[in-house]
Amino acid sequence: MNFIFISPYFPNNFYNFCVELKNAGVNILGIGDMPYLELRRELKDSLTEYYKVDNMEDYSQLLRACGYFTHKYGKIDRIESNNEHWLGKDARLRTDFNVPGLKIDEIEAMKYKSKMKDVFQQAGLNTARGRVVNSLNEAEDFIAEVDYPVVVKPDSGVGAADTYKIHNHDQLLDFFNNKLNLDYIMEEYIEGKIHTFDGLTDQEGNIVFSSSMVYKGGIMETVNEGLDMYYYIPRELPEDIVEAGKKTARAFELKERFFHFEYFKLADGRIVALEVNMRPPGGLTLDMFNYANDINIYKAYAELIAHGEFRADISRKYNCFYIGRKNFINYKHSLEDILNNYGQYIVLHEAISPILAPAIGDYGIILRTEEMEQGKEAVKYAIDKN
């Protein structure tokens, strides 16, 4: 089996996919713009060959790379990055080389937030009122319907990049005077706690692994206001979120893919679908799956690709917490204090890539506990301020 992995070095933990795919007998062919000598040793050892391009945004260069691999190794069986940024290029390459997986004509509703709403509604899920606004007049008409505040973000975008909460007309004018040359969607502001439904489907579209996260607050606020953040995977997944997640997976007809769905849970218990991402959740969450269940999700994915079977035992032994601390925040307790007081629960701590730091912190700590209160106590200690 020939598997072309696009940008296998980002995020940092994605090299594990290549390691385990090789262990499962898959031939891994990498494409990226990072010089080969700068790749970590484990990744280099996993790759049969690496093709460096000058510009990952230039599709013609990716096309030539895949053509070269096809000529040298034969038919390509999979092309994947597991990265939202490359969703369109992955799909286009699969289409051009007739490789199984999402094709270019299948990703519209997965890429554009305005089109996601249609699929959510067809699945019987609530959504926030919203529309694409291309002018000040269109925005004012929409706000007349829903009132301030509103949230505005790129209709096609990744994470909370260029996302704003607008409270009044002056801020609205400021947005239109400074916005990028993109299509933006404007939505009514929803007050609720963010929950996710995350997982992996097999070749038939069955969900073979699932998990859920609960966030301290929104990623938009974390980025725009420079806040620290935490989220956690509970041992018991909320039944209403699981039900919404299963409906979403069926509606989007996902096959052999990781997914990351986001929902608001309102004070009255209603679930409002926010958006879908057809890739694993970001940051260190894949590693949290492992720590929460004592599994190797990278190996389980590789076995699914190579043999069509998901063999990991999902035990949900632990609640698993992520804490992201910002360097410029004056915390009451040092990292050494945290390790001394809660080290028995901490399974990983490390500096975070600068490109991810605005959303998930400059330094990440993962801890796991059997009891929820133990974890929440440790989180409170870690983010207490002076």
Foldseek 3Di string as FASTA:
>chain_A
DEEEAEPQPPPPPSLLLLLLLVVLVYAYEYEEQDDPVPGDPSSNVSHPYYDHDNDPVPLVRVLVSVVVCCVVPNQHAYYYHLDLVCVQSRQPSCVVRVYDDHHNVQCPCQFFQVSVVVLLVVLVAAAFDKDWDDDLVSVVVVCVVQPDFKKKDARGDDFLPPIDTDGDDVVSVVCVVDPDPGTMMITHDDDFWKKKWKAWAFQQLHTPDIWMKTWPDGLNCLQVVVDWIKMKTALDDDPVNVVSVVSSSVSSVDHGWIKMWMWGQHPVGGIHGRHIGGGGDDDCVQVQQCVQAVWNVSNQSSCCVSPVDRDDDRDRQWMKMKTAAAPPAAAPDDPVRLCVVPVVFWDDKDAGDPVCDSRHHRIMTMGIDNDPVSVVVSNCNGRHGD
